[in-house]
Amino acid sequence: MDRKFWLLRGLRFFLFAALFLTAAVFLTQYLWNWLMPTLFHLPAISIAQTIGLLVLSRILFGFRGGRHSSWAQKRKAWQQRMAGRMENLSPEAREKFRQQMRSRCAASWMGKAEPTADATAHQPV
């Protein structure tokens, strides 16, 4: 009974994987043939070319899944590192750092890059 259960579960997984892959191929081909000839005057592609395009994109952009190294995990790790660094600063140094970051970030967001003391010291006269 246990062996039959795992066999059926494996067959079901294989069936859904094949169904998903087939849907991805046809969706990619449909979108390519709908958009690319109109927008960029490229030729329509066949099923074999679509599969080749998907394989090439996996080779170029990596085989990692989204769960292994997502941007959210990297952001959380960065926030934890910064929190650890901020804990080691004195309250005066922490406030000075925050003020510097506010002035630098606000200037770049507003399109007004204000020169800092370090930047003006190295400018030729």
PDB file of N, CA and C in Angstrom:
ATOM      1  N   MET A   1       0.822  -1.208   0.000  1.00  0.00           N
ATOM      2  CA  MET A   1       0.000   0.000   0.000  1.00  0.00           C
ATOM      3  C   MET A   1       0.855   1.256   0.000  1.00  0.00           C
ATOM      4  N   ASP A   2       1.904   1.219   0.812  1.00  0.00           N
ATOM      5  CA  ASP A   2       2.765   2.394   0.927  1.00  0.00           C
ATOM      6  C   ASP A   2       3.499   2.666  -0.385  1.00  0.00           C
ATOM      7  N   ARG A   3       3.957   1.591  -1.048  1.00  0.00           N
ATOM      8  CA  ARG A   3       4.674   1.743  -2.310  1.00  0.00           C
ATOM      9  C   ARG A   3       3.738   2.281  -3.399  1.00  0.00           C
ATOM     10  N   LYS A   4       2.515   1.800  -3.416  1.00  0.00           N
ATOM     11  CA  LYS A   4       1.528   2.262  -4.395  1.00  0.00           C
ATOM     12  C   LYS A   4       1.213   3.735  -4.192  1.00  0.00           C
ATOM     13  N   PHE A   5       1.125   4.159  -2.923  1.00  0.00           N
ATOM     14  CA  PHE A   5       0.864   5.568  -2.607  1.00  0.00           C
ATOM     15  C   PHE A   5       1.959   6.467  -3.178  1.00  0.00           C
ATOM     16  N   TRP A   6       3.215   6.094  -2.953  1.00  0.00           N
ATOM     17  CA  TRP A   6       4.325   6.914  -3.443  1.00  0.00           C
ATOM     18  C   TRP A   6       4.415   6.895  -4.965  1.00  0.00           C
ATOM     19  N   LEU A   7       4.087   5.764  -5.566  1.00  0.00           N
ATOM     20  CA  LEU A   7       4.092   5.670  -7.025  1.00  0.00           C
ATOM     21  C   LEU A   7       3.027   6.593  -7.621  1.00  0.00           C
ATOM     22  N   LEU A   8       1.824   6.561  -7.056  1.00  0.00           N
ATOM     23  CA  LEU A   8       0.760   7.446  -7.549  1.00  0.00           C
ATOM     24  C   LEU A   8       1.110   8.925  -7.306  1.00  0.00           C
ATOM     25  N   ARG A   9       1.712   9.193  -6.171  1.00  0.00           N
ATOM     26  CA  ARG A   9       2.113  10.575  -5.878  1.00  0.00           C
ATOM     27  C   ARG A   9       3.183  11.065  -6.862  1.00  0.00           C
ATOM     28  N   GLY A  10       4.133  10.183  -7.185  1.00  0.00           N
ATOM     29  CA  GLY A  10       5.176  10.530  -8.154  1.00  0.00           C
ATOM     30  C   GLY A  10       4.604  10.743  -9.544  1.00  0.00           C
ATOM     31  N   LEU A  11       3.668   9.882  -9.947  1.00  0.00           N
ATOM     32  CA  LEU A  11       3.031  10.036 -11.260  1.00  0.00           C
ATOM     33  C   LEU A  11       2.214  11.327 -11.334  1.00  0.00           C
ATOM     34  N   ARG A  12       1.532  11.648 -10.247  1.00  0.00           N
ATOM     35  CA  ARG A  12       0.752  12.882 -10.216  1.00  0.00           C
ATOM     36  C   ARG A  12       1.670  14.109 -10.312  1.00  0.00           C
ATOM     37  N   PHE A  13       2.802  14.067  -9.588  1.00  0.00           N
ATOM     38  CA  PHE A  13       3.769  15.166  -9.670  1.00  0.00           C
ATOM     39  C   PHE A  13       4.297  15.311 -11.101  1.00  0.00           C
ATOM     40  N   PHE A  14       4.656  14.181 -11.730  1.00  0.00           N
ATOM     41  CA  PHE A  14       5.156  14.207 -13.101  1.00  0.00           C
ATOM     42  C   PHE A  14       4.111  14.766 -14.054  1.00  0.00           C
ATOM     43  N   LEU A  15       2.859  14.384 -13.872  1.00  0.00           N
ATOM     44  CA  LEU A  15       1.778  14.866 -14.730  1.00  0.00           C
ATOM     45  C   LEU A  15       1.613  16.383 -14.604  1.00  0.00           C
ATOM     46  N   PHE A  16       1.584  16.885 -13.360  1.00  0.00           N
ATOM     47  CA  PHE A  16       1.431  18.327 -13.162  1.00  0.00           C
ATOM     48  C   PHE A  16       2.651  19.104 -13.654  1.00  0.00           C
ATOM     49  N   ALA A  17       3.850  18.540 -13.494  1.00  0.00           N
ATOM     50  CA  ALA A  17       5.055  19.205 -13.992  1.00  0.00           C
ATOM     51  C   ALA A  17       5.018  19.293 -15.515  1.00  0.00           C
ATOM     52  N   ALA A  18       4.619  18.210 -16.168  1.00  0.00           N
ATOM     53  CA  ALA A  18       4.523  18.203 -17.630  1.00  0.00           C
ATOM     54  C   ALA A  18       3.446  19.178 -18.104  1.00  0.00           C
ATOM     55  N   LEU A  19       2.332  19.222 -17.392  1.00  0.00           N
ATOM     56  CA  LEU A  19       1.253  20.147 -17.736  1.00  0.00           C
ATOM     57  C   LEU A  19       1.708  21.600 -17.575  1.00  0.00           C
ATOM     58  N   PHE A  20       2.411  21.877 -16.490  1.00  0.00           N
ATOM     59  CA  PHE A  20       2.923  23.229 -16.253  1.00  0.00           C
ATOM     60  C   PHE A  20       3.931  23.628 -17.326  1.00  0.00           C
ATOM     61  N   LEU A  21       4.844  22.730 -17.666  1.00  0.00           N
ATOM     62  CA  LEU A  21       5.848  23.025 -18.688  1.00  0.00           C
ATOM     63  C   LEU A  21       5.193  23.256 -20.047  1.00  0.00           C
ATOM     64  N   THR A  22       4.212  22.450 -20.384  1.00  0.00           N
ATOM     65  CA  THR A  22       3.498  22.624 -21.651  1.00  0.00           C
ATOM     66  C   THR A  22       2.775  23.970 -21.682  1.00  0.00           C
ATOM     67  N   ALA A  23       2.119  24.318 -20.588  1.00  0.00           N
ATOM     68  CA  ALA A  23       1.428  25.610 -20.526  1.00  0.00           C
ATOM     69  C   ALA A  23       2.421  26.762 -20.637  1.00  0.00           C
ATOM     70  N   ALA A  24       3.597  26.643 -19.991  1.00  0.00           N
ATOM     71  CA  ALA A  24       4.607  27.700 -20.067  1.00  0.00           C
ATOM     72  C   ALA A  24       5.125  27.868 -21.490  1.00  0.00           C
ATOM     73  N   VAL A  25       5.323  26.756 -22.191  1.00  0.00           N
ATOM     74  CA  VAL A  25       5.804  26.823 -23.575  1.00  0.00           C
ATOM     75  C   VAL A  25       4.772  27.496 -24.465  1.00  0.00           C
ATOM     76  N   PHE A  26       3.518  27.067 -24.380  1.00  0.00           N
ATOM     77  CA  PHE A  26       2.491  27.651 -25.240  1.00  0.00           C
ATOM     78  C   PHE A  26       2.214  29.116 -24.893  1.00  0.00           C
ATOM     79  N   LEU A  27       2.263  29.458 -23.618  1.00  0.00           N
ATOM     80  CA  LEU A  27       2.072  30.847 -23.222  1.00  0.00           C
ATOM     81  C   LEU A  27       3.213  31.725 -23.735  1.00  0.00           C
ATOM     82  N   THR A  28       4.435  31.239 -23.617  1.00  0.00           N
ATOM     83  CA  THR A  28       5.583  31.991 -24.119  1.00  0.00           C
ATOM     84  C   THR A  28       5.487  32.172 -25.630  1.00  0.00           C
ATOM     85  N   GLN A  29       5.136  31.107 -26.331  1.00  0.00           N
ATOM     86  CA  GLN A  29       5.016  31.209 -27.788  1.00  0.00           C
ATOM     87  C   GLN A  29       3.897  32.181 -28.170  1.00  0.00           C
ATOM     88  N   TYR A  30       2.779  32.101 -27.488  1.00  0.00           N
ATOM     89  CA  TYR A  30       1.660  32.989 -27.792  1.00  0.00           C
ATOM     90  C   TYR A  30       2.048  34.447 -27.565  1.00  0.00           C
ATOM     91  N   LEU A  31       2.665  34.729 -26.425  1.00  0.00           N
ATOM     92  CA  LEU A  31       3.056  36.110 -26.129  1.00  0.00           C
ATOM     93  C   LEU A  31       4.100  36.621 -27.109  1.00  0.00           C
ATOM     94  N   TRP A  32       5.082  35.784 -27.451  1.00  0.00           N
ATOM     95  CA  TRP A  32       6.102  36.191 -28.417  1.00  0.00           C
ATOM     96  C   TRP A  32       5.450  36.500 -29.765  1.00  0.00           C
ATOM     97  N   ASN A  33       4.648  35.572 -30.257  1.00  0.00           N
ATOM     98  CA  ASN A  33       4.051  35.751 -31.588  1.00  0.00           C
ATOM     99  C   ASN A  33       3.018  36.876 -31.600  1.00  0.00           C
ATOM    100  N   TRP A  34       2.491  37.247 -30.477  1.00  0.00           N
ATOM    101  CA  TRP A  34       1.540  38.358 -30.393  1.00  0.00           C
ATOM    102  C   TRP A  34       2.263  39.699 -30.334  1.00  0.00           C
ATOM    103  N   LEU A  35       3.347  39.766 -29.554  1.00  0.00           N
ATOM    104  CA  LEU A  35       4.003  41.055 -29.317  1.00  0.00           C
ATOM    105  C   LEU A  35       5.199  41.341 -30.212  1.00  0.00           C
ATOM    106  N   MET A  36       6.116  40.409 -30.337  1.00  0.00           N
ATOM    107  CA  MET A  36       7.397  40.690 -30.974  1.00  0.00           C
ATOM    108  C   MET A  36       7.294  41.054 -32.465  1.00  0.00           C
ATOM    109  N   PRO A  37       6.490  40.364 -33.267  1.00  0.00           N
ATOM    110  CA  PRO A  37       6.399  40.778 -34.664  1.00  0.00           C
ATOM    111  C   PRO A  37       5.825  42.188 -34.827  1.00  0.00           C
ATOM    112  N   THR A  38       4.880  42.549 -33.974  1.00  0.00           N
ATOM    113  CA  THR A  38       4.266  43.865 -34.066  1.00  0.00           C
ATOM    114  C   THR A  38       5.183  44.956 -33.550  1.00  0.00           C
ATOM    115  N   LEU A  39       5.793  44.726 -32.403  1.00  0.00           N
ATOM    116  CA  LEU A  39       6.599  45.768 -31.764  1.00  0.00           C
ATOM    117  C   LEU A  39       7.975  45.929 -32.384  1.00  0.00           C
ATOM    118  N   PHE A  40       8.662  44.806 -32.647  1.00  0.00           N
ATOM    119  CA  PHE A  40      10.061  44.871 -33.071  1.00  0.00           C
ATOM    120  C   PHE A  40      10.305  44.270 -34.448  1.00  0.00           C
ATOM    121  N   HIS A  41       9.261  43.910 -35.170  1.00  0.00           N
ATOM    122  CA  HIS A  41       9.350  43.328 -36.514  1.00  0.00           C
ATOM    123  C   HIS A  41      10.206  42.066 -36.520  1.00  0.00           C
ATOM    124  N   LEU A  42      10.053  41.240 -35.476  1.00  0.00           N
ATOM    125  CA  LEU A  42      10.750  39.964 -35.399  1.00  0.00           C
ATOM    126  C   LEU A  42       9.843  38.875 -35.944  1.00  0.00           C
ATOM    127  N   PRO A  43      10.424  37.755 -36.388  1.00  0.00           N
ATOM    128  CA  PRO A  43       9.579  36.686 -36.939  1.00  0.00           C
ATOM    129  C   PRO A  43       8.839  35.932 -35.837  1.00  0.00           C
ATOM    130  N   ALA A  44       7.768  35.279 -36.230  1.00  0.00           N
ATOM    131  CA  ALA A  44       7.046  34.392 -35.318  1.00  0.00           C
ATOM    132  C   ALA A  44       7.911  33.160 -35.085  1.00  0.00           C
ATOM    133  N   ILE A  45       7.733  32.505 -33.935  1.00  0.00           N
ATOM    134  CA  ILE A  45       8.572  31.354 -33.607  1.00  0.00           C
ATOM    135  C   ILE A  45       7.725  30.101 -33.467  1.00  0.00           C
ATOM    136  N   SER A  46       8.388  28.948 -33.664  1.00  0.00           N
ATOM    137  CA  SER A  46       7.719  27.646 -33.559  1.00  0.00           C
ATOM    138  C   SER A  46       7.835  27.118 -32.124  1.00  0.00           C
ATOM    139  N   ILE A  47       7.237  25.961 -31.887  1.00  0.00           N
ATOM    140  CA  ILE A  47       7.307  25.329 -30.566  1.00  0.00           C
ATOM    141  C   ILE A  47       8.758  24.998 -30.206  1.00  0.00           C
ATOM    142  N   ALA A  48       9.507  24.434 -31.145  1.00  0.00           N
ATOM    143  CA  ALA A  48      10.905  24.071 -30.868  1.00  0.00           C
ATOM    144  C   ALA A  48      11.727  25.318 -30.540  1.00  0.00           C
ATOM    145  N   GLN A  49      11.503  26.408 -31.267  1.00  0.00           N
ATOM    146  CA  GLN A  49      12.215  27.650 -30.979  1.00  0.00           C
ATOM    147  C   GLN A  49      11.813  28.216 -29.619  1.00  0.00           C
ATOM    148  N   THR A  50      10.554  28.038 -29.242  1.00  0.00           N
ATOM    149  CA  THR A  50      10.089  28.498 -27.932  1.00  0.00           C
ATOM    150  C   THR A  50      10.783  27.731 -26.819  1.00  0.00           C
ATOM    151  N   ILE A  51      10.887  26.414 -26.979  1.00  0.00           N
ATOM    152  CA  ILE A  51      11.579  25.602 -25.974  1.00  0.00           C
ATOM    153  C   ILE A  51      13.043  26.016 -25.892  1.00  0.00           C
ATOM    154  N   GLY A  52      13.673  26.244 -27.032  1.00  0.00           N
ATOM    155  CA  GLY A  52      15.057  26.711 -27.046  1.00  0.00           C
ATOM    156  C   GLY A  52      15.208  28.060 -26.368  1.00  0.00           C
ATOM    157  N   LEU A  53      14.246  28.950 -26.585  1.00  0.00           N
ATOM    158  CA  LEU A  53      14.272  30.266 -25.945  1.00  0.00           C
ATOM    159  C   LEU A  53      14.154  30.151 -24.429  1.00  0.00           C
ATOM    160  N   LEU A  54      13.275  29.267 -23.947  1.00  0.00           N
ATOM    161  CA  LEU A  54      13.129  29.067 -22.505  1.00  0.00           C
ATOM    162  C   LEU A  54      14.381  28.447 -21.891  1.00  0.00           C
ATOM    163  N   VAL A  55      14.988  27.480 -22.581  1.00  0.00           N
ATOM    164  CA  VAL A  55      16.221  26.869 -22.076  1.00  0.00           C
ATOM    165  C   VAL A  55      17.344  27.901 -22.048  1.00  0.00           C
ATOM    166  N   LEU A  56      17.456  28.694 -23.100  1.00  0.00           N
ATOM    167  CA  LEU A  56      18.483  29.733 -23.148  1.00  0.00           C
ATOM    168  C   LEU A  56      18.299  30.754 -22.033  1.00  0.00           C
ATOM    169  N   SER A  57      17.062  31.132 -21.763  1.00  0.00           N
ATOM    170  CA  SER A  57      16.824  32.103 -20.695  1.00  0.00           C
ATOM    171  C   SER A  57      17.194  31.521 -19.336  1.00  0.00           C
ATOM    172  N   ARG A  58      16.972  30.224 -19.125  1.00  0.00           N
ATOM    173  CA  ARG A  58      17.381  29.593 -17.869  1.00  0.00           C
ATOM    174  C   ARG A  58      18.903  29.543 -17.753  1.00  0.00           C
ATOM    175  N   ILE A  59      19.585  29.310 -18.860  1.00  0.00           N
ATOM    176  CA  ILE A  59      21.051  29.285 -18.838  1.00  0.00           C
ATOM    177  C   ILE A  59      21.591  30.683 -18.541  1.00  0.00           C
ATOM    178  N   LEU A  60      21.041  31.684 -19.193  1.00  0.00           N
ATOM    179  CA  LEU A  60      21.544  33.047 -19.028  1.00  0.00           C
ATOM    180  C   LEU A  60      21.187  33.651 -17.684  1.00  0.00           C
ATOM    181  N   PHE A  61      19.993  33.389 -17.195  1.00  0.00           N
ATOM    182  CA  PHE A  61      19.526  34.031 -15.967  1.00  0.00           C
ATOM    183  C   PHE A  61      19.596  33.129 -14.751  1.00  0.00           C
ATOM    184  N   GLY A  62      20.117  31.927 -14.895  1.00  0.00           N
ATOM    185  CA  GLY A  62      20.359  31.064 -13.754  1.00  0.00           C
ATOM    186  C   GLY A  62      19.279  30.032 -13.523  1.00  0.00           C
ATOM    187  N   PHE A  63      19.669  29.025 -12.793  1.00  0.00           N
ATOM    188  CA  PHE A  63      18.768  27.924 -12.501  1.00  0.00           C
ATOM    189  C   PHE A  63      18.198  28.005 -11.095  1.00  0.00           C
ATOM    190  N   ARG A  64      18.517  29.041 -10.365  1.00  0.00           N
ATOM    191  CA  ARG A  64      18.023  29.181  -8.997  1.00  0.00           C
ATOM    192  C   ARG A  64      16.524  29.432  -8.999  1.00  0.00           C
ATOM    193  N   GLY A  65      15.875  28.927  -7.973  1.00  0.00           N
ATOM    194  CA  GLY A  65      14.469  29.228  -7.769  1.00  0.00           C
ATOM    195  C   GLY A  65      14.351  30.517  -6.963  1.00  0.00           C
ATOM    196  N   GLY A  66      13.190  31.081  -6.928  1.00  0.00           N
ATOM    197  CA  GLY A  66      12.989  32.328  -6.206  1.00  0.00           C
ATOM    198  C   GLY A  66      13.094  32.184  -4.704  1.00  0.00           C
ATOM    199  N   ARG A  67      12.933  30.971  -4.188  1.00  0.00           N
ATOM    200  CA  ARG A  67      12.931  30.786  -2.744  1.00  0.00           C
ATOM    201  C   ARG A  67      14.330  30.784  -2.149  1.00  0.00           C
ATOM    202  N   HIS A  68      15.360  30.489  -2.931  1.00  0.00           N
ATOM    203  CA  HIS A  68      16.695  30.340  -2.371  1.00  0.00           C
ATOM    204  C   HIS A  68      17.332  31.666  -1.992  1.00  0.00           C
ATOM    205  N   SER A  69      17.189  32.651  -2.821  1.00  0.00           N
ATOM    206  CA  SER A  69      17.875  33.914  -2.567  1.00  0.00           C
ATOM    207  C   SER A  69      17.032  35.063  -3.105  1.00  0.00           C
ATOM    208  N   SER A  70      15.955  35.351  -2.439  1.00  0.00           N
ATOM    209  CA  SER A  70      15.064  36.390  -2.920  1.00  0.00           C
ATOM    210  C   SER A  70      15.534  37.762  -2.450  1.00  0.00           C
ATOM    211  N   TRP A  71      15.043  38.792  -3.086  1.00  0.00           N
ATOM    212  CA  TRP A  71      15.426  40.155  -2.706  1.00  0.00           C
ATOM    213  C   TRP A  71      14.936  40.477  -1.305  1.00  0.00           C
ATOM    214  N   ALA A  72      13.824  39.890  -0.894  1.00  0.00           N
ATOM    215  CA  ALA A  72      13.304  40.158   0.449  1.00  0.00           C
ATOM    216  C   ALA A  72      14.251  39.612   1.514  1.00  0.00           C
ATOM    217  N   GLN A  73      14.828  38.438   1.270  1.00  0.00           N
ATOM    218  CA  GLN A  73      15.780  37.875   2.215  1.00  0.00           C
ATOM    219  C   GLN A  73      17.049  38.710   2.267  1.00  0.00           C
ATOM    220  N   LYS A  74      17.508  39.177   1.110  1.00  0.00           N
ATOM    221  CA  LYS A  74      18.712  40.016   1.081  1.00  0.00           C
ATOM    222  C   LYS A  74      18.456  41.328   1.797  1.00  0.00           C
ATOM    223  N   ARG A  75      17.282  41.895   1.614  1.00  0.00           N
ATOM    224  CA  ARG A  75      16.932  43.154   2.281  1.00  0.00           C
ATOM    225  C   ARG A  75      16.880  42.963   3.800  1.00  0.00           C
ATOM    226  N   LYS A  76      16.294  41.854   4.235  1.00  0.00           N
ATOM    227  CA  LYS A  76      16.202  41.577   5.666  1.00  0.00           C
ATOM    228  C   LYS A  76      17.593  41.380   6.267  1.00  0.00           C
ATOM    229  N   ALA A  77      18.463  40.674   5.564  1.00  0.00           N
ATOM    230  CA  ALA A  77      19.831  40.463   6.049  1.00  0.00           C
ATOM    231  C   ALA A  77      20.568  41.788   6.144  1.00  0.00           C
ATOM    232  N   TRP A  78      20.385  42.670   5.138  1.00  0.00           N
ATOM    233  CA  TRP A  78      21.024  43.985   5.170  1.00  0.00           C
ATOM    234  C   TRP A  78      20.507  44.801   6.354  1.00  0.00           C
ATOM    235  N   GLN A  79      19.203  44.757   6.590  1.00  0.00           N
ATOM    236  CA  GLN A  79      18.634  45.495   7.716  1.00  0.00           C
ATOM    237  C   GLN A  79      19.184  44.985   9.046  1.00  0.00           C
ATOM    238  N   GLN A  80      19.361  43.678   9.151  1.00  0.00           N
ATOM    239  CA  GLN A  80      19.907  43.121  10.387  1.00  0.00           C
ATOM    240  C   GLN A  80      21.363  43.539  10.582  1.00  0.00           C
ATOM    241  N   ARG A  81      22.148  43.553   9.501  1.00  0.00           N
ATOM    242  CA  ARG A  81      23.536  44.016   9.613  1.00  0.00           C
ATOM    243  C   ARG A  81      23.596  45.472  10.037  1.00  0.00           C
ATOM    244  N   MET A  82      22.741  46.310   9.426  1.00  0.00           N
ATOM    245  CA  MET A  82      22.735  47.731   9.781  1.00  0.00           C
ATOM    246  C   MET A  82      22.277  47.936  11.225  1.00  0.00           C
ATOM    247  N   ALA A  83      21.302  47.169  11.672  1.00  0.00           N
ATOM    248  CA  ALA A  83      20.841  47.286  13.060  1.00  0.00           C
ATOM    249  C   ALA A  83      21.960  46.912  14.023  1.00  0.00           C
ATOM    250  N   GLY A  84      22.718  45.872  13.689  1.00  0.00           N
ATOM    251  CA  GLY A  84      23.855  45.475  14.520  1.00  0.00           C
ATOM    252  C   GLY A  84      24.918  46.556  14.580  1.00  0.00           C
ATOM    253  N   ARG A  85      25.174  47.199  13.458  1.00  0.00           N
ATOM    254  CA  ARG A  85      26.163  48.278  13.441  1.00  0.00           C
ATOM    255  C   ARG A  85      25.678  49.491  14.219  1.00  0.00           C
ATOM    256  N   MET A  86      24.384  49.785  14.104  1.00  0.00           N
ATOM    257  CA  MET A  86      23.831  50.947  14.807  1.00  0.00           C
ATOM    258  C   MET A  86      23.848  50.740  16.325  1.00  0.00           C
ATOM    259  N   GLU A  87      23.691  49.488  16.771  1.00  0.00           N
ATOM    260  CA  GLU A  87      23.722  49.209  18.209  1.00  0.00           C
ATOM    261  C   GLU A  87      25.079  49.539  18.823  1.00  0.00           C
ATOM    262  N   ASN A  88      26.149  49.383  18.031  1.00  0.00           N
ATOM    263  CA  ASN A  88      27.497  49.616  18.546  1.00  0.00           C
ATOM    264  C   ASN A  88      27.868  51.091  18.579  1.00  0.00           C
ATOM    265  N   LEU A  89      27.058  51.960  17.975  1.00  0.00           N
ATOM    266  CA  LEU A  89      27.354  53.385  17.964  1.00  0.00           C
ATOM    267  C   LEU A  89      26.810  54.059  19.219  1.00  0.00           C
ATOM    268  N   SER A  90      27.478  55.132  19.620  1.00  0.00           N
ATOM    269  CA  SER A  90      26.957  55.935  20.726  1.00  0.00           C
ATOM    270  C   SER A  90      25.732  56.698  20.229  1.00  0.00           C
ATOM    271  N   PRO A  91      24.884  57.176  21.119  1.00  0.00           N
ATOM    272  CA  PRO A  91      23.694  57.927  20.683  1.00  0.00           C
ATOM    273  C   PRO A  91      24.052  59.154  19.838  1.00  0.00           C
ATOM    274  N   GLU A  92      25.146  59.840  20.173  1.00  0.00           N
ATOM    275  CA  GLU A  92      25.553  61.022  19.391  1.00  0.00           C
ATOM    276  C   GLU A  92      26.001  60.611  17.990  1.00  0.00           C
ATOM    277  N   ALA A  93      26.804  59.542  17.900  1.00  0.00           N
ATOM    278  CA  ALA A  93      27.277  59.072  16.597  1.00  0.00           C
ATOM    279  C   ALA A  93      26.108  58.548  15.757  1.00  0.00           C
ATOM    280  N   ARG A  94      25.149  57.890  16.403  1.00  0.00           N
ATOM    281  CA  ARG A  94      23.976  57.375  15.700  1.00  0.00           C
ATOM    282  C   ARG A  94      23.167  58.521  15.089  1.00  0.00           C
ATOM    283  N   GLU A  95      22.951  59.582  15.869  1.00  0.00           N
ATOM    284  CA  GLU A  95      22.188  60.731  15.369  1.00  0.00           C
ATOM    285  C   GLU A  95      22.940  61.448  14.261  1.00  0.00           C
ATOM    286  N   LYS A  96      24.257  61.558  14.397  1.00  0.00           N
ATOM    287  CA  LYS A  96      25.072  62.190  13.346  1.00  0.00           C
ATOM    288  C   LYS A  96      24.968  61.377  12.044  1.00  0.00           C
ATOM    289  N   PHE A  97      25.032  60.042  12.169  1.00  0.00           N
ATOM    290  CA  PHE A  97      24.907  59.178  10.998  1.00  0.00           C
ATOM    291  C   PHE A  97      23.541  59.348  10.333  1.00  0.00           C
ATOM    292  N   ARG A  98      22.485  59.381  11.124  1.00  0.00           N
ATOM    293  CA  ARG A  98      21.136  59.553  10.575  1.00  0.00           C
ATOM    294  C   ARG A  98      20.994  60.889   9.855  1.00  0.00           C
ATOM    295  N   GLN A  99      21.530  61.949  10.422  1.00  0.00           N
ATOM    296  CA  GLN A  99      21.453  63.268   9.787  1.00  0.00           C
ATOM    297  C   GLN A  99      22.213  63.270   8.462  1.00  0.00           C
ATOM    298  N   GLN A 100      23.382  62.652   8.433  1.00  0.00           N
ATOM    299  CA  GLN A 100      24.153  62.581   7.186  1.00  0.00           C
ATOM    300  C   GLN A 100      23.392  61.808   6.114  1.00  0.00           C
ATOM    301  N   MET A 101      22.794  60.686   6.511  1.00  0.00           N
ATOM    302  CA  MET A 101      22.045  59.897   5.539  1.00  0.00           C
ATOM    303  C   MET A 101      20.815  60.644   5.041  1.00  0.00           C
ATOM    304  N   ARG A 102      20.129  61.334   5.918  1.00  0.00           N
ATOM    305  CA  ARG A 102      18.962  62.124   5.489  1.00  0.00           C
ATOM    306  C   ARG A 102      19.369  63.198   4.491  1.00  0.00           C
ATOM    307  N   SER A 103      20.449  63.892   4.770  1.00  0.00           N
ATOM    308  CA  SER A 103      20.858  64.973   3.861  1.00  0.00           C
ATOM    309  C   SER A 103      21.321  64.417   2.521  1.00  0.00           C
ATOM    310  N   ARG A 104      22.048  63.315   2.533  1.00  0.00           N
ATOM    311  CA  ARG A 104      22.528  62.728   1.277  1.00  0.00           C
ATOM    312  C   ARG A 104      21.387  62.146   0.454  1.00  0.00           C
ATOM    313  N   CYS A 105      20.510  61.398   1.109  1.00  0.00           N
ATOM    314  CA  CYS A 105      19.411  60.746   0.383  1.00  0.00           C
ATOM    315  C   CYS A 105      18.377  61.759  -0.084  1.00  0.00           C
ATOM    316  N   ALA A 106      18.057  62.729   0.739  1.00  0.00           N
ATOM    317  CA  ALA A 106      17.072  63.737   0.344  1.00  0.00           C
ATOM    318  C   ALA A 106      17.587  64.554  -0.829  1.00  0.00           C
ATOM    319  N   ALA A 107      18.871  64.860  -0.840  1.00  0.00           N
ATOM    320  CA  ALA A 107      19.436  65.639  -1.944  1.00  0.00           C
ATOM    321  C   ALA A 107      19.374  64.856  -3.251  1.00  0.00           C
ATOM    322  N   SER A 108      19.670  63.558  -3.200  1.00  0.00           N
ATOM    323  CA  SER A 108      19.650  62.783  -4.445  1.00  0.00           C
ATOM    324  C   SER A 108      18.223  62.532  -4.911  1.00  0.00           C
ATOM    325  N   TRP A 109      17.271  62.362  -3.985  1.00  0.00           N
ATOM    326  CA  TRP A 109      15.880  62.141  -4.371  1.00  0.00           C
ATOM    327  C   TRP A 109      15.255  63.398  -4.944  1.00  0.00           C
ATOM    328  N   MET A 110      15.686  64.542  -4.462  1.00  0.00           N
ATOM    329  CA  MET A 110      15.111  65.792  -4.930  1.00  0.00           C
ATOM    330  C   MET A 110      15.824  66.306  -6.180  1.00  0.00           C
ATOM    331  N   GLY A 111      16.891  65.629  -6.601  1.00  0.00           N
ATOM    332  CA  GLY A 111      17.607  66.048  -7.797  1.00  0.00           C
ATOM    333  C   GLY A 111      18.582  67.177  -7.516  1.00  0.00           C
ATOM    334  N   LYS A 112      18.820  67.479  -6.265  1.00  0.00           N
ATOM    335  CA  LYS A 112      19.742  68.539  -5.886  1.00  0.00           C
ATOM    336  C   LYS A 112      20.901  67.905  -5.136  1.00  0.00           C
ATOM    337  N   ALA A 113      21.900  67.495  -5.847  1.00  0.00           N
ATOM    338  CA  ALA A 113      23.045  66.875  -5.201  1.00  0.00           C
ATOM    339  C   ALA A 113      23.868  67.952  -4.518  1.00  0.00           C
ATOM    340  N   GLU A 114      23.785  67.976  -3.198  1.00  0.00           N
ATOM    341  CA  GLU A 114      24.549  68.950  -2.434  1.00  0.00           C
ATOM    342  C   GLU A 114      25.944  68.409  -2.215  1.00  0.00           C
ATOM    343  N   PRO A 115      26.971  69.186  -2.511  1.00  0.00           N
ATOM    344  CA  PRO A 115      28.321  68.685  -2.281  1.00  0.00           C
ATOM    345  C   PRO A 115      28.595  68.591  -0.788  1.00  0.00           C
ATOM    346  N   THR A 116      29.193  67.489  -0.395  1.00  0.00           N
ATOM    347  CA  THR A 116      29.561  67.313   1.000  1.00  0.00           C
ATOM    348  C   THR A 116      30.949  67.886   1.221  1.00  0.00           C
ATOM    349  N   ALA A 117      31.380  67.922   2.458  1.00  0.00           N
ATOM    350  CA  ALA A 117      32.700  68.471   2.775  1.00  0.00           C
ATOM    351  C   ALA A 117      33.792  67.641   2.111  1.00  0.00           C
ATOM    352  N   ASP A 118      33.605  66.330   2.025  1.00  0.00           N
ATOM    353  CA  ASP A 118      34.599  65.470   1.383  1.00  0.00           C
ATOM    354  C   ASP A 118      34.665  65.736  -0.112  1.00  0.00           C
ATOM    355  N   ALA A 119      33.541  65.958  -0.755  1.00  0.00           N
ATOM    356  CA  ALA A 119      33.507  66.174  -2.201  1.00  0.00           C
ATOM    357  C   ALA A 119      34.114  67.530  -2.567  1.00  0.00           C
ATOM    358  N   THR A 120      33.907  68.550  -1.742  1.00  0.00           N
ATOM    359  CA  THR A 120      34.434  69.887  -2.072  1.00  0.00           C
ATOM    360  C   THR A 120      35.922  69.955  -1.811  1.00  0.00           C
ATOM    361  N   ALA A 121      36.442  69.093  -0.947  1.00  0.00           N
ATOM    362  CA  ALA A 121      37.875  69.133  -0.634  1.00  0.00           C
ATOM    363  C   ALA A 121      38.704  68.622  -1.813  1.00  0.00           C
ATOM    364  N   HIS A 122      38.143  67.780  -2.659  1.00  0.00           N
ATOM    365  CA  HIS A 122      38.899  67.184  -3.757  1.00  0.00           C
ATOM    366  C   HIS A 122      38.628  67.861  -5.088  1.00  0.00           C
ATOM    367  N   GLN A 123      37.829  68.887  -5.139  1.00  0.00           N
ATOM    368  CA  GLN A 123      37.526  69.547  -6.405  1.00  0.00           C
ATOM    369  C   GLN A 123      38.674  70.492  -6.783  1.00  0.00           C
ATOM    370  N   PRO A 124      39.065  70.512  -8.069  1.00  0.00           N
ATOM    371  CA  PRO A 124      40.123  71.431  -8.501  1.00  0.00           C
ATOM    372  C   PRO A 124      39.621  72.866  -8.503  1.00  0.00           C
ATOM    373  N   VAL A 125      40.507  73.767  -8.235  1.00  0.00           N
ATOM    374  CA  VAL A 125      40.140  75.190  -8.163  1.00  0.00           C
ATOM    375  C   VAL A 125      40.327  75.858  -9.483  1.00  0.00           C
TER     376      VAL A 125
END
